[in-house]
C-alpha cells in the first residue's frame, strides 16, 4: 500500500511478544513485592498476566492456555498456586500478605520459578501489574538482542542510511 503511494518502506518489523513483556524484577518493583524464593530468577520475562480466582480444575485449563505468565492469586490458595507452577508460569504473585505453604515454596524452588508476595488485594495487584505492561521498557539485554536480530532480518538499514546521507555503522 505505501509503495503504491510513492512511500519507500525500509522495513516492517513483525510483532514480537518478547518486546511487550515485563521482567519479574520490574513487577517486583512496581508492586513493592517481597521475594519469597528464587531471587536469582528475577530476569525472567513475563508475557501475559493471569489471575487465579476460580476452582482448580477451571484454573488448570485456563493456565494451560497461557505462555510465560505471571499468575496473581491469593496467598491462601495453595491449590491454584500449585496448578500455576505446573504450567508455563514464570512468576507467582501472592496477594493478601499470606505466606505460602512450604510445599509450594519447595516446588517453586525446584522449578526455578520466583514467588513474590504483596500486601495488596488481588484486584489492586492486577491493576498495578497490568499498568507495568503498558510501559514497555527496553533495558533488558534479551530485548536489545531481539531488536537487533529483528532489524537485521527485516529492515534495510543501509538503504535508510544512504537516503539520509549518513554512513552505515556496524550493529
N, C-alpha and C. Protein backbone atom coordinates (compact mmCIF):
# COMPACT_ATOMS: atom_id res chain seq x y z
N UNK A 1 0.81 -1.19 0.00
CA UNK A 1 0.00 0.00 0.00
C UNK A 1 0.87 1.27 0.00
N UNK A 2 1.86 1.32 0.89
CA UNK A 2 2.71 2.52 0.96
C UNK A 2 3.52 2.71 -0.32
N UNK A 3 4.03 1.61 -0.87
CA UNK A 3 4.83 1.71 -2.10
C UNK A 3 3.98 2.27 -3.24
N UNK A 4 2.70 1.87 -3.31
CA UNK A 4 1.81 2.38 -4.34
C UNK A 4 1.58 3.89 -4.18
N UNK A 5 1.73 4.38 -2.97
CA UNK A 5 1.56 5.81 -2.69
C UNK A 5 2.87 6.58 -2.87
N UNK A 6 3.92 5.87 -3.33
CA UNK A 6 5.21 6.51 -3.54
C UNK A 6 6.04 6.66 -2.28
N UNK A 7 5.67 5.93 -1.25
CA UNK A 7 6.40 5.99 0.02
C UNK A 7 7.29 4.75 0.11
N UNK A 8 8.58 4.99 0.19
CA UNK A 8 9.52 3.88 0.27
C UNK A 8 9.51 3.28 1.68
N UNK A 9 9.51 1.98 1.74
CA UNK A 9 9.47 1.27 3.03
C UNK A 9 10.84 0.66 3.29
N UNK A 10 11.43 1.01 4.42
CA UNK A 10 12.75 0.48 4.79
C UNK A 10 12.63 -0.89 5.43
N UNK A 11 11.48 -1.19 5.97
CA UNK A 11 11.28 -2.50 6.58
C UNK A 11 10.01 -2.52 7.40
N UNK A 12 9.56 -3.72 7.67
CA UNK A 12 8.39 -3.92 8.52
C UNK A 12 8.78 -4.95 9.57
N UNK A 13 8.75 -4.52 10.80
CA UNK A 13 9.13 -5.42 11.88
C UNK A 13 7.91 -6.21 12.33
N UNK A 14 8.04 -7.53 12.42
CA UNK A 14 6.91 -8.36 12.86
C UNK A 14 6.65 -8.19 14.36
N UNK A 15 5.44 -8.50 14.76
CA UNK A 15 5.10 -8.45 16.19
C UNK A 15 5.95 -9.47 16.92
N UNK A 16 6.47 -9.09 18.05
CA UNK A 16 7.31 -9.97 18.86
C UNK A 16 6.85 -9.84 20.31
N UNK A 17 6.25 -10.93 20.83
CA UNK A 17 5.72 -10.90 22.19
C UNK A 17 6.77 -10.52 23.23
N UNK A 18 7.99 -10.95 23.01
CA UNK A 18 9.05 -10.65 23.97
C UNK A 18 9.20 -9.15 24.21
N UNK A 19 9.03 -8.35 23.16
CA UNK A 19 9.21 -6.90 23.29
C UNK A 19 8.10 -6.25 24.12
N UNK A 20 6.99 -6.92 24.24
CA UNK A 20 5.88 -6.40 25.05
C UNK A 20 5.91 -6.94 26.47
N UNK A 21 6.88 -7.80 26.75
CA UNK A 21 6.95 -8.46 28.05
C UNK A 21 7.56 -7.55 29.12
N UNK A 22 7.44 -8.00 30.35
CA UNK A 22 7.95 -7.29 31.52
C UNK A 22 8.77 -8.28 32.34
N UNK A 23 9.88 -7.83 32.89
CA UNK A 23 10.68 -8.73 33.73
C UNK A 23 10.03 -8.90 35.10
N UNK A 24 10.31 -10.03 35.72
CA UNK A 24 9.83 -10.26 37.08
C UNK A 24 10.38 -9.17 38.00
N UNK A 25 11.60 -8.74 37.74
CA UNK A 25 12.22 -7.67 38.53
C UNK A 25 11.37 -6.38 38.47
N UNK A 26 10.88 -6.06 37.27
CA UNK A 26 10.05 -4.86 37.11
C UNK A 26 8.72 -5.02 37.85
N UNK A 27 8.13 -6.21 37.78
CA UNK A 27 6.89 -6.46 38.52
C UNK A 27 7.12 -6.31 40.02
N UNK A 28 8.24 -6.85 40.49
CA UNK A 28 8.59 -6.74 41.91
C UNK A 28 8.67 -5.27 42.32
N UNK A 29 9.33 -4.48 41.48
CA UNK A 29 9.49 -3.05 41.76
C UNK A 29 8.14 -2.34 41.77
N UNK A 30 7.35 -2.55 40.74
CA UNK A 30 6.06 -1.86 40.62
C UNK A 30 5.10 -2.23 41.76
N UNK A 31 5.16 -3.50 42.18
CA UNK A 31 4.24 -3.99 43.22
C UNK A 31 4.79 -3.80 44.64
N UNK A 32 6.04 -3.34 44.74
CA UNK A 32 6.72 -3.25 46.05
C UNK A 32 6.62 -4.61 46.76
N UNK A 33 6.94 -5.65 46.02
CA UNK A 33 6.78 -7.03 46.49
C UNK A 33 8.02 -7.54 47.22
N UNK A 34 7.80 -8.53 48.06
CA UNK A 34 8.89 -9.27 48.70
C UNK A 34 9.14 -10.52 47.88
N UNK A 35 10.40 -10.90 47.72
CA UNK A 35 10.74 -12.13 47.00
C UNK A 35 10.80 -13.25 48.03
N UNK A 36 9.97 -14.28 47.83
CA UNK A 36 9.95 -15.40 48.76
C UNK A 36 10.88 -16.52 48.34
N UNK A 37 11.13 -16.63 47.05
CA UNK A 37 12.09 -17.62 46.57
C UNK A 37 12.56 -17.27 45.16
N UNK A 38 13.72 -17.79 44.81
CA UNK A 38 14.37 -17.65 43.50
C UNK A 38 14.62 -16.19 43.11
N UNK A 39 15.24 -15.46 44.02
CA UNK A 39 15.63 -14.08 43.71
C UNK A 39 16.61 -14.03 42.55
N UNK A 40 17.29 -15.15 42.30
CA UNK A 40 18.24 -15.23 41.19
C UNK A 40 17.55 -15.31 39.83
N UNK A 41 16.22 -15.41 39.80
CA UNK A 41 15.48 -15.58 38.55
C UNK A 41 14.59 -14.38 38.22
N UNK A 42 14.91 -13.22 38.78
CA UNK A 42 14.07 -12.03 38.55
C UNK A 42 14.20 -11.48 37.13
N UNK A 43 15.16 -11.98 36.36
CA UNK A 43 15.30 -11.53 34.97
C UNK A 43 14.42 -12.32 34.01
N UNK A 44 13.67 -13.29 34.52
CA UNK A 44 12.71 -13.99 33.66
C UNK A 44 11.72 -12.98 33.10
N UNK A 45 11.30 -13.21 31.87
CA UNK A 45 10.37 -12.29 31.22
C UNK A 45 8.94 -12.86 31.28
N UNK A 46 8.00 -11.99 31.54
CA UNK A 46 6.59 -12.35 31.64
C UNK A 46 5.87 -11.72 30.46
N UNK A 47 5.17 -12.57 29.69
CA UNK A 47 4.46 -12.08 28.51
C UNK A 47 2.98 -11.84 28.76
N UNK A 48 2.42 -12.57 29.72
CA UNK A 48 0.99 -12.41 30.00
C UNK A 48 0.75 -12.39 31.50
N UNK A 49 -0.32 -11.74 31.87
CA UNK A 49 -0.74 -11.64 33.26
C UNK A 49 -2.01 -12.45 33.40
N UNK A 50 -2.04 -13.34 34.37
CA UNK A 50 -3.19 -14.21 34.57
C UNK A 50 -3.62 -14.15 36.02
N UNK A 51 -4.93 -14.17 36.24
CA UNK A 51 -5.46 -14.12 37.60
C UNK A 51 -6.04 -15.48 37.95
N UNK A 52 -5.65 -16.00 39.10
CA UNK A 52 -6.18 -17.26 39.59
C UNK A 52 -7.20 -17.00 40.68
N UNK A 53 -8.48 -17.09 40.32
CA UNK A 53 -9.54 -16.83 41.30
C UNK A 53 -10.75 -17.72 41.05
N UNK A 54 -10.48 -18.95 40.56
CA UNK A 54 -11.58 -19.85 40.25
C UNK A 54 -11.28 -21.21 40.87
N UNK A 55 -12.12 -22.21 40.57
CA UNK A 55 -11.82 -23.54 41.11
C UNK A 55 -10.60 -24.11 40.38
N UNK A 56 -9.96 -25.07 41.00
CA UNK A 56 -8.67 -25.55 40.50
C UNK A 56 -8.77 -26.19 39.12
N UNK A 57 -9.85 -26.91 38.82
CA UNK A 57 -9.98 -27.54 37.50
C UNK A 57 -10.09 -26.50 36.40
N UNK A 58 -10.90 -25.49 36.62
CA UNK A 58 -11.02 -24.40 35.65
C UNK A 58 -9.70 -23.66 35.52
N UNK A 59 -9.04 -23.46 36.65
CA UNK A 59 -7.76 -22.73 36.65
C UNK A 59 -6.71 -23.47 35.84
N UNK A 60 -6.61 -24.76 36.03
CA UNK A 60 -5.60 -25.54 35.31
C UNK A 60 -5.82 -25.44 33.81
N UNK A 61 -7.06 -25.56 33.38
CA UNK A 61 -7.38 -25.43 31.95
C UNK A 61 -7.03 -24.02 31.45
N UNK A 62 -7.35 -23.03 32.24
CA UNK A 62 -7.07 -21.62 31.91
C UNK A 62 -5.57 -21.37 31.86
N UNK A 63 -4.83 -21.85 32.86
CA UNK A 63 -3.38 -21.64 32.92
C UNK A 63 -2.67 -22.31 31.75
N UNK A 64 -3.17 -23.44 31.31
CA UNK A 64 -2.52 -24.17 30.20
C UNK A 64 -2.57 -23.40 28.89
N UNK A 65 -3.46 -22.44 28.79
CA UNK A 65 -3.58 -21.65 27.56
C UNK A 65 -2.54 -20.53 27.51
N UNK A 66 -1.96 -20.18 28.64
CA UNK A 66 -1.02 -19.07 28.71
C UNK A 66 0.40 -19.49 28.42
N UNK A 67 1.26 -18.47 28.25
CA UNK A 67 2.67 -18.71 27.96
C UNK A 67 3.49 -17.66 28.71
N UNK A 68 4.51 -18.11 29.42
CA UNK A 68 5.40 -17.20 30.16
C UNK A 68 4.60 -16.22 31.01
N UNK A 69 3.75 -16.78 31.86
CA UNK A 69 2.79 -15.98 32.63
C UNK A 69 3.34 -15.53 33.98
N UNK A 70 2.74 -14.47 34.48
CA UNK A 70 2.77 -14.14 35.91
C UNK A 70 1.35 -14.45 36.37
N UNK A 71 1.24 -15.29 37.37
CA UNK A 71 -0.07 -15.65 37.90
C UNK A 71 -0.25 -14.94 39.23
N UNK A 72 -1.32 -14.18 39.33
CA UNK A 72 -1.65 -13.48 40.57
C UNK A 72 -2.80 -14.23 41.23
N UNK A 73 -2.59 -14.62 42.48
CA UNK A 73 -3.63 -15.34 43.21
C UNK A 73 -3.45 -15.10 44.70
N UNK A 74 -4.46 -15.44 45.45
CA UNK A 74 -4.39 -15.25 46.90
C UNK A 74 -3.32 -16.12 47.54
N UNK A 75 -2.69 -15.59 48.56
CA UNK A 75 -1.67 -16.35 49.28
C UNK A 75 -2.22 -17.58 49.97
N UNK A 76 -3.53 -17.62 50.17
CA UNK A 76 -4.17 -18.76 50.83
C UNK A 76 -4.66 -19.81 49.84
N UNK A 77 -4.43 -19.63 48.55
CA UNK A 77 -4.93 -20.56 47.53
C UNK A 77 -3.82 -21.49 47.03
N UNK A 78 -3.38 -22.40 47.89
CA UNK A 78 -2.29 -23.31 47.52
C UNK A 78 -2.68 -24.21 46.35
N UNK A 79 -3.97 -24.51 46.19
CA UNK A 79 -4.41 -25.33 45.06
C UNK A 79 -4.13 -24.62 43.73
N UNK A 80 -4.45 -23.33 43.67
CA UNK A 80 -4.20 -22.56 42.45
C UNK A 80 -2.71 -22.29 42.25
N UNK A 81 -2.00 -22.09 43.34
CA UNK A 81 -0.56 -21.86 43.25
C UNK A 81 0.13 -23.07 42.64
N UNK A 82 -0.24 -24.25 43.10
CA UNK A 82 0.36 -25.48 42.57
C UNK A 82 -0.01 -25.67 41.11
N UNK A 83 -1.26 -25.42 40.76
CA UNK A 83 -1.69 -25.53 39.36
C UNK A 83 -0.88 -24.58 38.47
N UNK A 84 -0.67 -23.37 38.94
CA UNK A 84 0.11 -22.39 38.17
C UNK A 84 1.55 -22.86 37.98
N UNK A 85 2.13 -23.41 39.03
CA UNK A 85 3.52 -23.87 38.95
C UNK A 85 3.70 -25.01 37.95
N UNK A 86 2.63 -25.73 37.67
CA UNK A 86 2.71 -26.87 36.74
C UNK A 86 2.44 -26.47 35.30
N UNK A 87 2.33 -25.17 35.04
CA UNK A 87 2.11 -24.70 33.67
C UNK A 87 3.22 -23.72 33.29
N UNK A 88 3.03 -22.97 32.22
CA UNK A 88 4.07 -22.06 31.73
C UNK A 88 4.08 -20.75 32.52
N UNK A 89 4.39 -20.88 33.80
CA UNK A 89 4.41 -19.73 34.70
C UNK A 89 5.85 -19.32 34.97
N UNK A 90 6.14 -18.04 34.79
CA UNK A 90 7.48 -17.51 35.07
C UNK A 90 7.54 -16.75 36.38
N UNK A 91 6.38 -16.54 37.00
CA UNK A 91 6.33 -15.82 38.28
C UNK A 91 4.98 -16.05 38.93
N UNK A 92 5.01 -16.28 40.22
CA UNK A 92 3.79 -16.42 41.01
C UNK A 92 3.73 -15.22 41.96
N UNK A 93 2.62 -14.49 41.92
CA UNK A 93 2.45 -13.31 42.77
C UNK A 93 1.31 -13.60 43.74
N UNK A 94 1.65 -13.63 45.03
CA UNK A 94 0.67 -13.98 46.05
C UNK A 94 0.20 -12.72 46.77
N UNK A 95 -1.12 -12.58 46.85
CA UNK A 95 -1.71 -11.39 47.45
C UNK A 95 -2.19 -11.65 48.87
N UNK A 96 -2.51 -10.58 49.57
CA UNK A 96 -3.09 -10.69 50.90
C UNK A 96 -2.08 -10.86 52.02
N UNK A 97 -0.81 -10.76 51.70
CA UNK A 97 0.25 -10.88 52.70
C UNK A 97 0.17 -12.19 53.48
N UNK A 98 -0.18 -13.27 52.78
CA UNK A 98 -0.27 -14.60 53.38
C UNK A 98 0.89 -15.43 52.86
N UNK A 99 1.64 -16.04 53.76
CA UNK A 99 2.78 -16.87 53.37
C UNK A 99 2.28 -18.17 52.74
N UNK A 100 2.92 -18.62 51.66
CA UNK A 100 2.50 -19.88 51.05
C UNK A 100 2.94 -21.07 51.90
N UNK A 101 2.32 -22.21 51.65
CA UNK A 101 2.71 -23.42 52.36
C UNK A 101 4.09 -23.86 51.89
N UNK A 102 4.78 -24.59 52.73
CA UNK A 102 6.16 -24.99 52.46
C UNK A 102 6.29 -25.79 51.16
N UNK A 103 5.32 -26.66 50.86
CA UNK A 103 5.43 -27.46 49.64
C UNK A 103 5.35 -26.60 48.38
N UNK A 104 4.69 -25.45 48.45
CA UNK A 104 4.64 -24.52 47.32
C UNK A 104 6.02 -23.90 47.11
N UNK A 105 6.62 -23.43 48.19
CA UNK A 105 7.97 -22.85 48.10
C UNK A 105 8.97 -23.88 47.58
N UNK A 106 8.86 -25.10 48.06
CA UNK A 106 9.77 -26.17 47.63
C UNK A 106 9.61 -26.47 46.14
N UNK A 107 8.37 -26.55 45.69
CA UNK A 107 8.11 -26.83 44.27
C UNK A 107 8.61 -25.68 43.39
N UNK A 108 8.38 -24.46 43.82
CA UNK A 108 8.85 -23.29 43.06
C UNK A 108 10.38 -23.28 43.00
N UNK A 109 11.03 -23.62 44.09
CA UNK A 109 12.50 -23.71 44.11
C UNK A 109 12.96 -24.73 43.07
N UNK A 110 12.34 -25.92 43.09
CA UNK A 110 12.72 -26.98 42.15
C UNK A 110 12.53 -26.55 40.70
N UNK A 111 11.45 -25.83 40.43
CA UNK A 111 11.13 -25.41 39.06
C UNK A 111 11.79 -24.08 38.69
N UNK A 112 12.49 -23.47 39.64
CA UNK A 112 13.19 -22.19 39.43
C UNK A 112 12.23 -21.06 39.06
N UNK A 113 11.09 -21.04 39.72
CA UNK A 113 10.07 -20.01 39.49
C UNK A 113 10.02 -19.08 40.69
N UNK A 114 10.26 -17.79 40.49
CA UNK A 114 10.20 -16.86 41.62
C UNK A 114 8.77 -16.68 42.14
N UNK A 115 8.68 -16.52 43.44
CA UNK A 115 7.40 -16.20 44.07
C UNK A 115 7.55 -14.84 44.74
N UNK A 116 6.60 -13.95 44.41
CA UNK A 116 6.55 -12.62 45.02
C UNK A 116 5.33 -12.56 45.94
N UNK A 117 5.47 -11.84 47.05
CA UNK A 117 4.35 -11.64 47.96
C UNK A 117 4.07 -10.15 48.08
N UNK A 118 2.80 -9.80 48.05
CA UNK A 118 2.40 -8.40 48.17
C UNK A 118 1.36 -8.23 49.27
N UNK A 119 1.40 -7.09 49.89
CA UNK A 119 0.42 -6.75 50.93
C UNK A 119 -0.71 -5.96 50.28
N UNK A 120 -1.29 -6.56 49.24
CA UNK A 120 -2.35 -5.92 48.47
C UNK A 120 -3.46 -6.94 48.24
N UNK A 121 -4.65 -6.46 47.93
CA UNK A 121 -5.69 -7.38 47.49
C UNK A 121 -5.42 -7.73 46.02
N UNK A 122 -6.06 -8.78 45.55
CA UNK A 122 -5.79 -9.28 44.20
C UNK A 122 -6.11 -8.24 43.13
N UNK A 123 -7.24 -7.56 43.24
CA UNK A 123 -7.62 -6.57 42.22
C UNK A 123 -6.60 -5.45 42.12
N UNK A 124 -6.14 -4.94 43.24
CA UNK A 124 -5.14 -3.86 43.23
C UNK A 124 -3.83 -4.35 42.61
N UNK A 125 -3.42 -5.56 42.98
CA UNK A 125 -2.19 -6.13 42.42
C UNK A 125 -2.30 -6.28 40.91
N UNK A 126 -3.45 -6.73 40.43
CA UNK A 126 -3.67 -6.89 38.99
C UNK A 126 -3.59 -5.54 38.30
N UNK A 127 -4.21 -4.53 38.86
CA UNK A 127 -4.19 -3.19 38.25
C UNK A 127 -2.77 -2.65 38.14
N UNK A 128 -1.98 -2.81 39.19
CA UNK A 128 -0.60 -2.31 39.18
C UNK A 128 0.25 -3.09 38.18
N UNK A 129 0.13 -4.42 38.20
CA UNK A 129 0.92 -5.25 37.29
C UNK A 129 0.52 -4.98 35.84
N UNK A 130 -0.77 -4.83 35.59
CA UNK A 130 -1.25 -4.55 34.24
C UNK A 130 -0.69 -3.22 33.74
N UNK A 131 -0.60 -2.25 34.61
CA UNK A 131 -0.03 -0.94 34.26
C UNK A 131 1.43 -1.10 33.83
N UNK A 132 2.16 -2.00 34.48
CA UNK A 132 3.57 -2.23 34.12
C UNK A 132 3.69 -2.72 32.68
N UNK A 133 2.72 -3.51 32.21
CA UNK A 133 2.76 -3.99 30.82
C UNK A 133 2.52 -2.85 29.84
N UNK A 134 1.83 -1.82 30.26
CA UNK A 134 1.57 -0.68 29.39
C UNK A 134 2.75 0.26 29.25
N UNK A 135 3.82 -0.01 29.97
CA UNK A 135 5.02 0.83 29.93
C UNK A 135 6.19 -0.02 29.45
N UNK A 136 6.16 -0.43 28.20
CA UNK A 136 7.22 -1.31 27.67
C UNK A 136 8.59 -0.66 27.85
N UNK A 137 9.50 -1.42 28.40
CA UNK A 137 10.87 -0.95 28.61
C UNK A 137 11.81 -1.83 27.80
N UNK A 138 12.94 -1.26 27.45
CA UNK A 138 13.88 -1.99 26.60
C UNK A 138 15.27 -2.05 27.20
N UNK A 139 15.39 -1.97 28.52
CA UNK A 139 16.71 -2.04 29.13
C UNK A 139 17.21 -3.47 29.29
N UNK A 140 16.34 -4.45 29.20
CA UNK A 140 16.76 -5.84 29.37
C UNK A 140 17.59 -6.27 28.16
N UNK A 141 18.71 -6.91 28.43
CA UNK A 141 19.62 -7.36 27.36
C UNK A 141 18.92 -8.25 26.35
N UNK A 142 18.03 -9.11 26.82
CA UNK A 142 17.34 -10.03 25.92
C UNK A 142 16.47 -9.27 24.91
N UNK A 143 15.89 -8.14 25.32
CA UNK A 143 15.08 -7.34 24.40
C UNK A 143 15.96 -6.61 23.40
N UNK A 144 17.09 -6.10 23.85
CA UNK A 144 18.02 -5.41 22.94
C UNK A 144 18.49 -6.37 21.86
N UNK A 145 18.85 -7.58 22.25
CA UNK A 145 19.29 -8.58 21.27
C UNK A 145 18.17 -8.94 20.30
N UNK A 146 16.96 -9.04 20.81
CA UNK A 146 15.81 -9.34 19.96
C UNK A 146 15.60 -8.24 18.92
N UNK A 147 15.69 -6.99 19.34
CA UNK A 147 15.54 -5.86 18.41
C UNK A 147 16.64 -5.88 17.36
N UNK A 148 17.87 -6.13 17.78
CA UNK A 148 18.99 -6.20 16.82
C UNK A 148 18.72 -7.27 15.77
N UNK A 149 18.27 -8.44 16.22
CA UNK A 149 18.01 -9.55 15.30
C UNK A 149 16.87 -9.20 14.34
N UNK A 150 15.80 -8.63 14.86
CA UNK A 150 14.68 -8.23 14.00
C UNK A 150 15.11 -7.20 12.97
N UNK A 151 15.93 -6.24 13.38
CA UNK A 151 16.42 -5.21 12.45
C UNK A 151 17.27 -5.84 11.35
N UNK A 152 18.14 -6.79 11.71
CA UNK A 152 18.98 -7.46 10.71
C UNK A 152 18.13 -8.21 9.69
N UNK A 153 17.08 -8.86 10.18
CA UNK A 153 16.27 -9.71 9.32
C UNK A 153 15.22 -8.96 8.50
N UNK A 154 14.69 -7.86 9.03
CA UNK A 154 13.51 -7.25 8.42
C UNK A 154 13.64 -5.77 8.06
N UNK A 155 14.83 -5.21 8.17
CA UNK A 155 14.98 -3.77 7.97
C UNK A 155 16.21 -3.49 7.12
N UNK A 156 16.05 -2.68 6.10
CA UNK A 156 17.17 -2.33 5.21
C UNK A 156 17.86 -1.08 5.75
N UNK A 157 18.73 -1.28 6.72
CA UNK A 157 19.40 -0.16 7.39
C UNK A 157 20.30 0.61 6.42
N UNK A 158 21.04 -0.13 5.57
CA UNK A 158 21.95 0.54 4.62
C UNK A 158 21.19 1.48 3.71
N UNK A 159 20.06 1.04 3.20
CA UNK A 159 19.25 1.87 2.31
C UNK A 159 18.75 3.13 3.04
N UNK A 160 18.28 2.97 4.25
CA UNK A 160 17.80 4.11 5.02
C UNK A 160 18.93 5.11 5.28
N UNK A 161 20.08 4.61 5.71
CA UNK A 161 21.22 5.49 6.00
C UNK A 161 21.66 6.22 4.73
N UNK A 162 21.66 5.51 3.61
CA UNK A 162 22.03 6.11 2.33
C UNK A 162 21.06 7.24 1.96
N UNK A 163 19.77 6.99 2.11
CA UNK A 163 18.75 8.01 1.80
C UNK A 163 18.90 9.24 2.69
N UNK A 164 19.37 9.02 3.92
CA UNK A 164 19.57 10.13 4.85
C UNK A 164 20.92 10.81 4.68
N UNK A 165 21.76 10.22 3.80
CA UNK A 165 23.09 10.78 3.57
C UNK A 165 24.05 10.51 4.71
N UNK A 166 23.83 9.41 5.41
CA UNK A 166 24.67 9.05 6.55
C UNK A 166 25.48 7.79 6.25
N UNK A 167 26.59 7.64 6.93
CA UNK A 167 27.39 6.43 6.78
C UNK A 167 26.76 5.32 7.61
N UNK A 168 26.85 4.11 7.09
CA UNK A 168 26.34 2.98 7.86
C UNK A 168 27.37 2.59 8.92
N UNK A 169 26.85 2.14 10.03
CA UNK A 169 27.71 1.68 11.12
C UNK A 169 27.36 0.24 11.43
N UNK A 170 28.36 -0.51 11.86
CA UNK A 170 28.12 -1.91 12.21
C UNK A 170 27.28 -1.99 13.47
N UNK A 171 26.27 -2.87 13.43
CA UNK A 171 25.40 -3.05 14.60
C UNK A 171 25.80 -4.31 15.32
